[in-house]
Amino acid sequence: MKVASRINHMKRGIPFSITGFYSLGNRTSVQKAISRLAQEGVVERVSKGFYVRPKPLPSMPSIKTTTSAEQVAKVWAKENGYKLVSQGQEAAYRLGFQTQAPMKKVFWSNGPSREFRIGNQVVEVRHITKQKLRWENAPEGTLLRGLLVTPPESIEVSNLRKAVERLSLTPAETKAVVKKLTALPQLNAWQSKLEQLELKT
């Protein structure tokens, strides 16, 4: 009953991990309780070890939605203490370095590579070196990942300045971010253009 009671207080459409319930009883009894609730339609299994309270569509109450593959990936990362950032191609598109959006949602992580599927949605998590995950969701992290997948010769300093403008940074913040990036050995090929950008800021 403790399991059902806690689930009844959880928001619909937000995925959760079964491991968060193991404090309510022994592992087997919790698994049986969740399994029973899944059979009754109270929860739905959306990935191995992850469930959600289905949410009725306001326009068609008879149809229930679960959650998104992206949300499940984020809950999985949080549950395990993994970093999760948008891949370099997505950062490059957001910064204007690429004109085409990536066809598939891909995250870079220090966790194991895996895939999350819900209906037609597919989210891929790729294990990557920790150096590429620096500054997670900070502006300098977005710039780092965009630069890592973009050839320096394809981008002018003016394009770099426009990319920084998209991140809504003040001149002082821009200087600080550019200094951090210029100091990274992995961006050696970009050093000249980053230094030019810093001088013009």
C-alpha atoms as a PDB file:
ATOM      1  CA  MET A   1       0.000   0.000   0.000  1.00  0.00           C
ATOM      2  CA  LYS A   2       2.910   2.359   0.681  1.00  0.00           C
ATOM      3  CA  VAL A   3       4.016   2.044  -2.956  1.00  0.00           C
ATOM      4  CA  ALA A   4       0.526   2.792  -4.312  1.00  0.00           C
ATOM      5  CA  SER A   5       0.110   5.697  -1.894  1.00  0.00           C
ATOM      6  CA  ARG A   6       3.373   7.330  -2.987  1.00  0.00           C
ATOM      7  CA  ILE A   7       2.570   6.835  -6.667  1.00  0.00           C
ATOM      8  CA  ASN A   8      -0.846   8.470  -6.201  1.00  0.00           C
ATOM      9  CA  HIS A   9       0.956  11.622  -5.074  1.00  0.00           C
ATOM     10  CA  MET A  10       3.302  11.685  -8.074  1.00  0.00           C
ATOM     11  CA  LYS A  11       2.723  13.961 -11.059  1.00  0.00           C
ATOM     12  CA  ARG A  12       1.319  12.340 -14.178  1.00  0.00           C
ATOM     13  CA  GLY A  13       3.620  12.206 -17.191  1.00  0.00           C
ATOM     14  CA  ILE A  14       6.814  12.512 -15.122  1.00  0.00           C
ATOM     15  CA  PRO A  15       8.952   9.329 -15.264  1.00  0.00           C
ATOM     16  CA  PHE A  16      10.357   7.782 -12.093  1.00  0.00           C
ATOM     17  CA  SER A  17      12.761   4.991 -11.236  1.00  0.00           C
ATOM     18  CA  ILE A  18      11.695   1.895  -9.312  1.00  0.00           C
ATOM     19  CA  THR A  19      14.893   2.129  -7.229  1.00  0.00           C
ATOM     20  CA  GLY A  20      13.448   5.162  -5.472  1.00  0.00           C
ATOM     21  CA  PHE A  21      10.817   2.860  -3.926  1.00  0.00           C
ATOM     22  CA  TYR A  22      13.157   0.242  -2.473  1.00  0.00           C
ATOM     23  CA  SER A  23      13.244   2.102   0.839  1.00  0.00           C
ATOM     24  CA  LEU A  24       9.546   1.227   1.309  1.00  0.00           C
ATOM     25  CA  GLY A  25      10.104  -2.522   1.646  1.00  0.00           C
ATOM     26  CA  ASN A  26      12.194  -5.365   0.347  1.00  0.00           C
ATOM     27  CA  ARG A  27      13.117  -5.356  -3.323  1.00  0.00           C
ATOM     28  CA  THR A  28      10.822  -8.254  -4.285  1.00  0.00           C
ATOM     29  CA  SER A  29       7.704  -6.827  -2.620  1.00  0.00           C
ATOM     30  CA  VAL A  30       8.271  -3.417  -4.247  1.00  0.00           C
ATOM     31  CA  GLN A  31       8.736  -5.018  -7.681  1.00  0.00           C
ATOM     32  CA  LYS A  32       5.541  -7.050  -7.209  1.00  0.00           C
ATOM     33  CA  ALA A  33       3.599  -3.946  -6.134  1.00  0.00           C
ATOM     34  CA  ILE A  34       4.792  -1.935  -9.150  1.00  0.00           C
ATOM     35  CA  SER A  35       4.101  -4.881 -11.458  1.00  0.00           C
ATOM     36  CA  ARG A  36       0.539  -5.154 -10.107  1.00  0.00           C
ATOM     37  CA  LEU A  37      -0.025  -1.406 -10.576  1.00  0.00           C
ATOM     38  CA  ALA A  38       1.276  -1.698 -14.158  1.00  0.00           C
ATOM     39  CA  GLN A  39      -1.200  -4.522 -14.856  1.00  0.00           C
ATOM     40  CA  GLU A  40      -4.000  -2.340 -13.468  1.00  0.00           C
ATOM     41  CA  GLY A  41      -2.962   0.545 -15.710  1.00  0.00           C
ATOM     42  CA  VAL A  42      -2.099   2.834 -12.782  1.00  0.00           C
ATOM     43  CA  VAL A  43       1.506   3.079 -14.030  1.00  0.00           C
ATOM     44  CA  GLU A  44       3.165   2.188 -17.297  1.00  0.00           C
ATOM     45  CA  ARG A  45       6.667   0.829 -17.810  1.00  0.00           C
ATOM     46  CA  VAL A  46       8.473   3.157 -20.222  1.00  0.00           C
ATOM     47  CA  SER A  47      12.006   1.727 -20.023  1.00  0.00           C
ATOM     48  CA  LYS A  48      13.858  -0.869 -17.980  1.00  0.00           C
ATOM     49  CA  GLY A  49      13.343   0.159 -14.340  1.00  0.00           C
ATOM     50  CA  PHE A  50      11.382   3.321 -15.238  1.00  0.00           C
ATOM     51  CA  TYR A  51       7.671   3.926 -14.955  1.00  0.00           C
ATOM     52  CA  VAL A  52       5.181   6.783 -15.285  1.00  0.00           C
ATOM     53  CA  ARG A  53       1.604   7.604 -14.319  1.00  0.00           C
ATOM     54  CA  PRO A  54      -0.173   7.941 -17.686  1.00  0.00           C
ATOM     55  CA  LYS A  55      -1.774  11.307 -18.409  1.00  0.00           C
ATOM     56  CA  PRO A  56      -5.119  11.628 -20.272  1.00  0.00           C
ATOM     57  CA  LEU A  57      -5.094  13.924 -23.297  1.00  0.00           C
ATOM     58  CA  PRO A  58      -7.331  16.955 -22.510  1.00  0.00           C
ATOM     59  CA  SER A  59      -8.878  16.832 -26.016  1.00  0.00           C
ATOM     60  CA  MET A  60      -9.429  13.041 -25.938  1.00  0.00           C
ATOM     61  CA  PRO A  61      -9.654  11.758 -22.324  1.00  0.00           C
ATOM     62  CA  SER A  62      -9.910   8.155 -23.512  1.00  0.00           C
ATOM     63  CA  ILE A  63      -6.360   8.384 -24.893  1.00  0.00           C
ATOM     64  CA  LYS A  64      -3.539   8.418 -22.364  1.00  0.00           C
ATOM     65  CA  THR A  65      -0.010   9.631 -22.973  1.00  0.00           C
ATOM     66  CA  THR A  66       3.033   8.587 -20.953  1.00  0.00           C
ATOM     67  CA  THR A  67       6.150  10.709 -21.207  1.00  0.00           C
ATOM     68  CA  SER A  68       8.943  11.608 -23.630  1.00  0.00           C
ATOM     69  CA  ALA A  69      12.073   9.578 -24.302  1.00  0.00           C
ATOM     70  CA  GLU A  70      14.091  12.711 -23.473  1.00  0.00           C
ATOM     71  CA  GLN A  71      12.509  12.976 -20.015  1.00  0.00           C
ATOM     72  CA  VAL A  72      13.280   9.325 -19.282  1.00  0.00           C
ATOM     73  CA  ALA A  73      16.920   9.861 -20.341  1.00  0.00           C
ATOM     74  CA  LYS A  74      17.201  12.859 -18.005  1.00  0.00           C
ATOM     75  CA  VAL A  75      15.672  10.988 -15.051  1.00  0.00           C
ATOM     76  CA  TRP A  76      18.013   8.036 -15.739  1.00  0.00           C
ATOM     77  CA  ALA A  77      21.044  10.372 -15.710  1.00  0.00           C
ATOM     78  CA  LYS A  78      19.929  12.120 -12.527  1.00  0.00           C
ATOM     79  CA  GLU A  79      19.198   8.809 -10.812  1.00  0.00           C
ATOM     80  CA  ASN A  80      22.707   7.537 -11.562  1.00  0.00           C
ATOM     81  CA  GLY A  81      24.582  10.819 -11.091  1.00  0.00           C
ATOM     82  CA  TYR A  82      25.634  10.995 -14.755  1.00  0.00           C
ATOM     83  CA  LYS A  83      26.276  14.215 -16.643  1.00  0.00           C
ATOM     84  CA  LEU A  84      24.051  14.684 -19.681  1.00  0.00           C
ATOM     85  CA  VAL A  85      24.541  17.409 -22.291  1.00  0.00           C
ATOM     86  CA  SER A  86      23.262  18.014 -25.811  1.00  0.00           C
ATOM     87  CA  GLN A  87      25.689  16.680 -28.405  1.00  0.00           C
ATOM     88  CA  GLY A  88      28.088  18.935 -30.294  1.00  0.00           C
ATOM     89  CA  GLN A  89      26.017  18.967 -33.512  1.00  0.00           C
ATOM     90  CA  GLU A  90      23.027  20.335 -31.624  1.00  0.00           C
ATOM     91  CA  ALA A  91      25.180  23.011 -29.984  1.00  0.00           C
ATOM     92  CA  ALA A  92      26.643  23.923 -33.398  1.00  0.00           C
ATOM     93  CA  TYR A  93      23.124  24.276 -34.841  1.00  0.00           C
ATOM     94  CA  ARG A  94      21.985  26.401 -31.900  1.00  0.00           C
ATOM     95  CA  LEU A  95      25.026  28.672 -32.343  1.00  0.00           C
ATOM     96  CA  GLY A  96      24.463  29.074 -36.073  1.00  0.00           C
ATOM     97  CA  PHE A  97      27.553  27.080 -37.126  1.00  0.00           C
ATOM     98  CA  GLN A  98      25.306  24.579 -38.921  1.00  0.00           C
ATOM     99  CA  THR A  99      22.107  25.279 -40.850  1.00  0.00           C
ATOM    100  CA  GLN A 100      20.543  21.843 -40.418  1.00  0.00           C
ATOM    101  CA  ALA A 101      19.193  20.573 -37.113  1.00  0.00           C
ATOM    102  CA  PRO A 102      20.317  17.055 -36.126  1.00  0.00           C
ATOM    103  CA  MET A 103      17.809  14.423 -37.269  1.00  0.00           C
ATOM    104  CA  LYS A 104      17.949  12.557 -33.972  1.00  0.00           C
ATOM    105  CA  LYS A 105      18.138  13.667 -30.335  1.00  0.00           C
ATOM    106  CA  VAL A 106      21.564  12.672 -29.032  1.00  0.00           C
ATOM    107  CA  PHE A 107      23.075  13.397 -25.626  1.00  0.00           C
ATOM    108  CA  TRP A 108      26.715  13.115 -24.603  1.00  0.00           C
ATOM    109  CA  SER A 109      27.320  11.595 -21.172  1.00  0.00           C
ATOM    110  CA  ASN A 110      29.913  10.127 -18.828  1.00  0.00           C
ATOM    111  CA  GLY A 111      27.455   7.264 -18.261  1.00  0.00           C
ATOM    112  CA  PRO A 112      27.220   4.171 -20.478  1.00  0.00           C
ATOM    113  CA  SER A 113      25.911   4.490 -24.020  1.00  0.00           C
ATOM    114  CA  ARG A 114      22.270   3.483 -24.350  1.00  0.00           C
ATOM    115  CA  GLU A 115      19.065   4.236 -26.189  1.00  0.00           C
ATOM    116  CA  PHE A 116      15.628   5.252 -24.921  1.00  0.00           C
ATOM    117  CA  ARG A 117      12.542   4.575 -27.025  1.00  0.00           C
ATOM    118  CA  ILE A 118       8.962   5.658 -26.421  1.00  0.00           C
ATOM    119  CA  GLY A 119       6.615   5.188 -29.356  1.00  0.00           C
ATOM    120  CA  ASN A 120       8.299   6.804 -32.349  1.00  0.00           C
ATOM    121  CA  GLN A 121      10.689   8.823 -30.183  1.00  0.00           C
ATOM    122  CA  VAL A 122      14.291   7.690 -29.963  1.00  0.00           C
ATOM    123  CA  VAL A 123      16.904   9.346 -27.776  1.00  0.00           C
ATOM    124  CA  GLU A 124      20.495   8.145 -27.906  1.00  0.00           C
ATOM    125  CA  VAL A 125      22.994   8.622 -25.082  1.00  0.00           C
ATOM    126  CA  ARG A 126      26.644   8.370 -26.158  1.00  0.00           C
ATOM    127  CA  HIS A 127      29.482   7.867 -23.698  1.00  0.00           C
ATOM    128  CA  ILE A 128      32.082  10.558 -24.281  1.00  0.00           C
ATOM    129  CA  THR A 129      35.301  11.762 -22.636  1.00  0.00           C
ATOM    130  CA  LYS A 130      34.798  13.988 -19.597  1.00  0.00           C
ATOM    131  CA  GLN A 131      36.742  16.848 -21.267  1.00  0.00           C
ATOM    132  CA  LYS A 132      33.868  17.250 -23.740  1.00  0.00           C
ATOM    133  CA  LEU A 133      31.323  17.497 -20.915  1.00  0.00           C
ATOM    134  CA  ARG A 134      32.893  20.499 -19.179  1.00  0.00           C
ATOM    135  CA  TRP A 135      30.636  23.299 -17.959  1.00  0.00           C
ATOM    136  CA  GLU A 136      27.578  21.153 -18.684  1.00  0.00           C
ATOM    137  CA  ASN A 137      24.710  23.538 -19.543  1.00  0.00           C
ATOM    138  CA  ALA A 138      26.634  26.796 -19.073  1.00  0.00           C
ATOM    139  CA  PRO A 139      27.202  29.051 -22.145  1.00  0.00           C
ATOM    140  CA  GLU A 140      30.898  28.121 -22.313  1.00  0.00           C
ATOM    141  CA  GLY A 141      29.892  24.438 -22.407  1.00  0.00           C
ATOM    142  CA  THR A 142      27.590  25.041 -25.365  1.00  0.00           C
ATOM    143  CA  LEU A 143      30.363  26.948 -27.180  1.00  0.00           C
ATOM    144  CA  LEU A 144      32.932  24.254 -26.393  1.00  0.00           C
ATOM    145  CA  ARG A 145      30.755  21.467 -27.823  1.00  0.00           C
ATOM    146  CA  GLY A 146      29.790  23.517 -30.890  1.00  0.00           C
ATOM    147  CA  LEU A 147      33.445  24.316 -31.643  1.00  0.00           C
ATOM    148  CA  LEU A 148      34.565  20.704 -31.140  1.00  0.00           C
ATOM    149  CA  VAL A 149      32.458  19.488 -34.084  1.00  0.00           C
ATOM    150  CA  THR A 150      33.062  22.504 -36.371  1.00  0.00           C
ATOM    151  CA  PRO A 151      36.167  22.939 -38.575  1.00  0.00           C
ATOM    152  CA  PRO A 152      37.792  26.326 -37.691  1.00  0.00           C
ATOM    153  CA  GLU A 153      38.330  27.189 -41.359  1.00  0.00           C
ATOM    154  CA  SER A 154      34.543  27.075 -41.971  1.00  0.00           C
ATOM    155  CA  ILE A 155      33.759  29.855 -39.474  1.00  0.00           C
ATOM    156  CA  GLU A 156      34.741  33.540 -39.579  1.00  0.00           C
ATOM    157  CA  VAL A 157      35.383  35.604 -36.434  1.00  0.00           C
ATOM    158  CA  SER A 158      32.162  37.503 -37.253  1.00  0.00           C
ATOM    159  CA  ASN A 159      30.257  34.196 -37.062  1.00  0.00           C
ATOM    160  CA  LEU A 160      31.853  33.523 -33.689  1.00  0.00           C
ATOM    161  CA  ARG A 161      30.673  36.911 -32.466  1.00  0.00           C
ATOM    162  CA  LYS A 162      27.118  36.165 -33.665  1.00  0.00           C
ATOM    163  CA  ALA A 163      27.232  32.804 -31.885  1.00  0.00           C
ATOM    164  CA  VAL A 164      28.181  34.514 -28.622  1.00  0.00           C
ATOM    165  CA  GLU A 165      25.359  37.037 -29.129  1.00  0.00           C
ATOM    166  CA  ARG A 166      22.911  34.120 -29.315  1.00  0.00           C
ATOM    167  CA  LEU A 167      23.947  33.198 -25.779  1.00  0.00           C
ATOM    168  CA  SER A 168      22.998  36.683 -24.490  1.00  0.00           C
ATOM    169  CA  LEU A 169      26.344  37.290 -22.750  1.00  0.00           C
ATOM    170  CA  THR A 170      27.544  40.708 -21.590  1.00  0.00           C
ATOM    171  CA  PRO A 171      30.948  41.899 -22.942  1.00  0.00           C
ATOM    172  CA  ALA A 172      32.557  41.021 -19.579  1.00  0.00           C
ATOM    173  CA  GLU A 173      30.983  37.540 -19.606  1.00  0.00           C
ATOM    174  CA  THR A 174      32.073  37.049 -23.213  1.00  0.00           C
ATOM    175  CA  LYS A 175      35.706  37.889 -22.337  1.00  0.00           C
ATOM    176  CA  ALA A 176      35.643  35.445 -19.407  1.00  0.00           C
ATOM    177  CA  VAL A 177      34.140  32.657 -21.542  1.00  0.00           C
ATOM    178  CA  VAL A 178      36.581  33.212 -24.439  1.00  0.00           C
ATOM    179  CA  LYS A 179      39.541  33.160 -21.999  1.00  0.00           C
ATOM    180  CA  LYS A 180      38.390  29.783 -20.641  1.00  0.00           C
ATOM    181  CA  LEU A 181      38.011  28.324 -24.131  1.00  0.00           C
ATOM    182  CA  THR A 182      41.347  29.709 -25.405  1.00  0.00           C
ATOM    183  CA  ALA A 183      43.129  27.949 -22.534  1.00  0.00           C
ATOM    184  CA  LEU A 184      41.853  24.493 -23.560  1.00  0.00           C
ATOM    185  CA  PRO A 185      44.391  22.325 -25.448  1.00  0.00           C
ATOM    186  CA  GLN A 186      41.540  20.559 -27.269  1.00  0.00           C
ATOM    187  CA  LEU A 187      40.630  23.880 -28.941  1.00  0.00           C
ATOM    188  CA  ASN A 188      44.186  24.682 -30.138  1.00  0.00           C
ATOM    189  CA  ALA A 189      42.979  24.904 -33.733  1.00  0.00           C
ATOM    190  CA  TRP A 190      40.535  27.636 -32.697  1.00  0.00           C
ATOM    191  CA  GLN A 191      43.025  29.651 -30.637  1.00  0.00           C
ATOM    192  CA  SER A 192      43.760  32.344 -33.232  1.00  0.00           C
ATOM    193  CA  LYS A 193      40.093  33.085 -33.921  1.00  0.00           C
ATOM    194  CA  LEU A 194      39.197  33.025 -30.229  1.00  0.00           C
ATOM    195  CA  GLU A 195      41.982  35.517 -29.511  1.00  0.00           C
ATOM    196  CA  GLN A 196      40.709  37.787 -32.309  1.00  0.00           C
ATOM    197  CA  LEU A 197      37.210  37.567 -30.841  1.00  0.00           C
ATOM    198  CA  GLU A 198      38.518  38.501 -27.395  1.00  0.00           C
ATOM    199  CA  LEU A 199      40.343  41.564 -28.818  1.00  0.00           C
ATOM    200  CA  LYS A 200      37.187  42.749 -30.575  1.00  0.00           C
ATOM    201  CA  THR A 201      34.960  42.315 -27.507  1.00  0.00           C
END
